[in-house]
Amino acid sequence: MSSYPKPLPEVTPLTKPFWEASKRGELLLQRCKNCSTYIWYPRHICINCGSRELEWVKASGRGKVYSYTIVRQVIGNSPEFSKEIPFVVAEIELDEGVRICSNIVGVKPEDVSIGMPVEVFFEECTPEISLPKFKPAR
């Protein structure tokens, strides 16, 4: 895959472990070594206790739909997204307690519901980036 038509995330020193793991098909989260709080999105300090002692740990990749919207119209100059309409953008509450935004695929948009169990998979976009997306859990 030499060219991916949609915008991709910028890999920074802070997020590099996350994106490296995504390429391996693993979902990582930060966890505080001091208070064991899971953290999403990547940060330099714990959102609970302020500790700078954070580690990357493998997440279960399982969760439930917390909230979602069905995109039926793309505004502006975004033909790369228009080709996929309708699609679901959701906030997933992972088993670890944090919420992550992503797409839900592999199901009709009208069949998505709050509380629906989902599991992560990774869409290879470029040799450097694989995006975590979610599908109904088996």
C-alpha atoms as a PDB file:
ATOM      1  CA  MET A   1       0.000   0.000   0.000  1.00  0.00           C
ATOM      2  CA  SER A   2       1.917   2.977  -1.221  1.00  0.00           C
ATOM      3  CA  SER A   3      -0.738   5.631  -0.752  1.00  0.00           C
ATOM      4  CA  TYR A   4      -3.557   5.940   1.764  1.00  0.00           C
ATOM      5  CA  PRO A   5      -6.232   8.448   0.723  1.00  0.00           C
ATOM      6  CA  LYS A   6      -7.306   9.670   4.183  1.00  0.00           C
ATOM      7  CA  PRO A   7      -5.432  11.704   6.789  1.00  0.00           C
ATOM      8  CA  LEU A   8      -3.259   9.633   9.120  1.00  0.00           C
ATOM      9  CA  PRO A   9      -2.039  10.350  12.662  1.00  0.00           C
ATOM     10  CA  GLU A  10       1.291  11.986  13.313  1.00  0.00           C
ATOM     11  CA  VAL A  11       3.646   9.636  15.137  1.00  0.00           C
ATOM     12  CA  THR A  12       5.438  11.481  17.941  1.00  0.00           C
ATOM     13  CA  PRO A  13       7.942  10.225  20.532  1.00  0.00           C
ATOM     14  CA  LEU A  14       5.049  10.014  23.011  1.00  0.00           C
ATOM     15  CA  THR A  15       2.767   7.963  20.730  1.00  0.00           C
ATOM     16  CA  LYS A  16       5.421   5.870  18.970  1.00  0.00           C
ATOM     17  CA  PRO A  17       4.997   2.789  21.259  1.00  0.00           C
ATOM     18  CA  PHE A  18       1.259   2.802  20.543  1.00  0.00           C
ATOM     19  CA  TRP A  19       1.720   2.883  16.758  1.00  0.00           C
ATOM     20  CA  GLU A  20       4.502   0.277  16.808  1.00  0.00           C
ATOM     21  CA  ALA A  21       2.203  -2.064  18.748  1.00  0.00           C
ATOM     22  CA  SER A  22      -0.681  -1.376  16.377  1.00  0.00           C
ATOM     23  CA  LYS A  23       1.501  -2.573  13.494  1.00  0.00           C
ATOM     24  CA  ARG A  24       1.947  -5.828  15.448  1.00  0.00           C
ATOM     25  CA  GLY A  25      -1.811  -6.132  15.997  1.00  0.00           C
ATOM     26  CA  GLU A  26      -1.693  -5.154  19.670  1.00  0.00           C
ATOM     27  CA  LEU A  27      -3.657  -2.425  21.429  1.00  0.00           C
ATOM     28  CA  LEU A  28      -1.547  -0.694  24.075  1.00  0.00           C
ATOM     29  CA  LEU A  29      -2.651   1.694  26.805  1.00  0.00           C
ATOM     30  CA  GLN A  30      -0.624   3.654  29.282  1.00  0.00           C
ATOM     31  CA  ARG A  31      -0.947   2.663  32.942  1.00  0.00           C
ATOM     32  CA  CYS A  32       0.362   4.534  35.949  1.00  0.00           C
ATOM     33  CA  LYS A  33       2.937   2.566  37.936  1.00  0.00           C
ATOM     34  CA  ASN A  34       1.972   4.544  41.051  1.00  0.00           C
ATOM     35  CA  CYS A  35      -1.840   4.199  41.160  1.00  0.00           C
ATOM     36  CA  SER A  36      -2.569   1.666  38.352  1.00  0.00           C
ATOM     37  CA  THR A  37      -4.881   4.065  36.491  1.00  0.00           C
ATOM     38  CA  TYR A  38      -5.247   3.309  32.784  1.00  0.00           C
ATOM     39  CA  ILE A  39      -4.786   6.352  30.569  1.00  0.00           C
ATOM     40  CA  TRP A  40      -6.059   7.167  27.118  1.00  0.00           C
ATOM     41  CA  TYR A  41      -5.014   9.291  25.150  1.00  0.00           C
ATOM     42  CA  PRO A  42      -1.210   9.147  25.613  1.00  0.00           C
ATOM     43  CA  ARG A  43       0.158  11.696  28.088  1.00  0.00           C
ATOM     44  CA  HIS A  44       3.322  12.471  30.005  1.00  0.00           C
ATOM     45  CA  ILE A  45       1.685  12.348  33.451  1.00  0.00           C
ATOM     46  CA  CYS A  46      -1.030  10.332  35.190  1.00  0.00           C
ATOM     47  CA  ILE A  47      -4.438  11.973  35.020  1.00  0.00           C
ATOM     48  CA  ASN A  48      -5.293  10.583  38.471  1.00  0.00           C
ATOM     49  CA  CYS A  49      -2.244  11.142  40.696  1.00  0.00           C
ATOM     50  CA  GLY A  50       0.140  13.258  38.603  1.00  0.00           C
ATOM     51  CA  SER A  51       2.902  10.651  38.570  1.00  0.00           C
ATOM     52  CA  ARG A  52       5.299  10.619  35.636  1.00  0.00           C
ATOM     53  CA  GLU A  53       5.889   6.880  36.098  1.00  0.00           C
ATOM     54  CA  LEU A  54       3.810   5.505  33.218  1.00  0.00           C
ATOM     55  CA  GLU A  55       4.170   2.224  31.346  1.00  0.00           C
ATOM     56  CA  TRP A  56       2.664   0.815  28.180  1.00  0.00           C
ATOM     57  CA  VAL A  57       0.612  -2.351  28.725  1.00  0.00           C
ATOM     58  CA  LYS A  58      -1.327  -4.600  26.372  1.00  0.00           C
ATOM     59  CA  ALA A  59      -5.078  -3.995  26.530  1.00  0.00           C
ATOM     60  CA  SER A  60      -7.720  -6.669  26.098  1.00  0.00           C
ATOM     61  CA  GLY A  61      -9.000  -5.039  22.918  1.00  0.00           C
ATOM     62  CA  ARG A  62     -12.553  -5.669  24.083  1.00  0.00           C
ATOM     63  CA  GLY A  63     -15.188  -3.195  25.129  1.00  0.00           C
ATOM     64  CA  LYS A  64     -18.689  -1.856  24.578  1.00  0.00           C
ATOM     65  CA  VAL A  65     -20.136   0.948  22.514  1.00  0.00           C
ATOM     66  CA  TYR A  66     -20.509   3.931  24.852  1.00  0.00           C
ATOM     67  CA  SER A  67     -21.814   6.364  22.221  1.00  0.00           C
ATOM     68  CA  TYR A  68     -21.861   6.599  18.439  1.00  0.00           C
ATOM     69  CA  THR A  69     -23.012   8.517  15.407  1.00  0.00           C
ATOM     70  CA  ILE A  70     -23.738   7.430  11.885  1.00  0.00           C
ATOM     71  CA  VAL A  71     -22.079   9.684   9.330  1.00  0.00           C
ATOM     72  CA  ARG A  72     -24.396  10.061   6.365  1.00  0.00           C
ATOM     73  CA  GLN A  73     -22.984  13.227   4.799  1.00  0.00           C
ATOM     74  CA  VAL A  74     -19.476  14.619   4.568  1.00  0.00           C
ATOM     75  CA  ILE A  75     -19.164  18.385   4.610  1.00  0.00           C
ATOM     76  CA  GLY A  76     -16.304  20.070   2.822  1.00  0.00           C
ATOM     77  CA  ASN A  77     -13.652  18.772   0.526  1.00  0.00           C
ATOM     78  CA  SER A  78     -13.377  15.165   1.760  1.00  0.00           C
ATOM     79  CA  PRO A  79     -14.129  12.789  -1.118  1.00  0.00           C
ATOM     80  CA  GLU A  80     -12.012  10.074   0.531  1.00  0.00           C
ATOM     81  CA  PHE A  81     -14.617   9.827   3.335  1.00  0.00           C
ATOM     82  CA  SER A  82     -17.621  10.256   1.034  1.00  0.00           C
ATOM     83  CA  LYS A  83     -16.920   6.878  -0.576  1.00  0.00           C
ATOM     84  CA  GLU A  84     -17.631   5.077   2.713  1.00  0.00           C
ATOM     85  CA  ILE A  85     -20.939   6.720   3.648  1.00  0.00           C
ATOM     86  CA  PRO A  86     -22.721   5.690   5.760  1.00  0.00           C
ATOM     87  CA  PHE A  87     -20.137   4.825   8.435  1.00  0.00           C
ATOM     88  CA  VAL A  88     -20.065   4.684  12.217  1.00  0.00           C
ATOM     89  CA  VAL A  89     -17.825   6.746  14.468  1.00  0.00           C
ATOM     90  CA  ALA A  90     -18.039   5.504  18.041  1.00  0.00           C
ATOM     91  CA  GLU A  91     -16.714   6.044  21.506  1.00  0.00           C
ATOM     92  CA  ILE A  92     -15.744   2.610  22.811  1.00  0.00           C
ATOM     93  CA  GLU A  93     -15.451   1.977  26.540  1.00  0.00           C
ATOM     94  CA  LEU A  94     -12.671  -0.590  26.812  1.00  0.00           C
ATOM     95  CA  ASP A  95     -12.720  -3.275  29.496  1.00  0.00           C
ATOM     96  CA  GLU A  96      -9.866  -1.342  31.142  1.00  0.00           C
ATOM     97  CA  GLY A  97     -12.227   1.604  31.722  1.00  0.00           C
ATOM     98  CA  VAL A  98     -10.918   4.160  29.249  1.00  0.00           C
ATOM     99  CA  ARG A  99     -12.800   5.373  26.176  1.00  0.00           C
ATOM    100  CA  ILE A 100     -11.315   5.457  22.693  1.00  0.00           C
ATOM    101  CA  CYS A 101     -12.859   6.840  19.500  1.00  0.00           C
ATOM    102  CA  SER A 102     -12.802   4.713  16.378  1.00  0.00           C
ATOM    103  CA  ASN A 103     -14.944   3.249  13.633  1.00  0.00           C
ATOM    104  CA  ILE A 104     -17.206   0.244  13.986  1.00  0.00           C
ATOM    105  CA  VAL A 105     -17.207  -1.941  10.891  1.00  0.00           C
ATOM    106  CA  GLY A 106     -18.475  -5.372   9.918  1.00  0.00           C
ATOM    107  CA  VAL A 107     -22.051  -4.504  10.844  1.00  0.00           C
ATOM    108  CA  LYS A 108     -24.768  -2.405   9.263  1.00  0.00           C
ATOM    109  CA  PRO A 109     -24.708   1.080  10.808  1.00  0.00           C
ATOM    110  CA  GLU A 110     -28.357   0.752  11.860  1.00  0.00           C
ATOM    111  CA  ASP A 111     -27.483  -2.417  13.820  1.00  0.00           C
ATOM    112  CA  VAL A 112     -24.975  -0.639  16.081  1.00  0.00           C
ATOM    113  CA  SER A 113     -26.324   0.029  19.582  1.00  0.00           C
ATOM    114  CA  ILE A 114     -25.223   1.450  22.918  1.00  0.00           C
ATOM    115  CA  GLY A 115     -23.721  -1.341  25.020  1.00  0.00           C
ATOM    116  CA  MET A 116     -22.940  -3.536  22.016  1.00  0.00           C
ATOM    117  CA  PRO A 117     -19.850  -5.694  22.725  1.00  0.00           C
ATOM    118  CA  VAL A 118     -16.985  -5.007  20.307  1.00  0.00           C
ATOM    119  CA  GLU A 119     -13.391  -6.094  19.766  1.00  0.00           C
ATOM    120  CA  VAL A 120     -10.443  -4.412  18.134  1.00  0.00           C
ATOM    121  CA  PHE A 121      -8.790  -5.286  14.860  1.00  0.00           C
ATOM    122  CA  PHE A 122      -6.209  -3.329  12.889  1.00  0.00           C
ATOM    123  CA  GLU A 123      -6.537  -1.871   9.410  1.00  0.00           C
ATOM    124  CA  GLU A 124      -3.181  -1.674   7.669  1.00  0.00           C
ATOM    125  CA  CYS A 125      -3.017   1.757   6.040  1.00  0.00           C
ATOM    126  CA  THR A 126       0.679   2.180   5.227  1.00  0.00           C
ATOM    127  CA  PRO A 127       3.855   0.258   6.062  1.00  0.00           C
ATOM    128  CA  GLU A 128       4.140   2.470   9.165  1.00  0.00           C
ATOM    129  CA  ILE A 129       0.511   2.858  10.338  1.00  0.00           C
ATOM    130  CA  SER A 130      -2.233   0.396  11.209  1.00  0.00           C
ATOM    131  CA  LEU A 131      -5.381   1.939  12.659  1.00  0.00           C
ATOM    132  CA  PRO A 132      -7.329   0.285  15.480  1.00  0.00           C
ATOM    133  CA  LYS A 133     -10.955  -0.235  14.478  1.00  0.00           C
ATOM    134  CA  PHE A 134     -13.716  -2.234  16.094  1.00  0.00           C
ATOM    135  CA  LYS A 135     -16.147  -4.926  15.011  1.00  0.00           C
ATOM    136  CA  PRO A 136     -18.902  -6.804  16.858  1.00  0.00           C
ATOM    137  CA  ALA A 137     -17.400  -9.213  19.389  1.00  0.00           C
ATOM    138  CA  ARG A 138     -17.821 -12.921  18.778  1.00  0.00           C
END
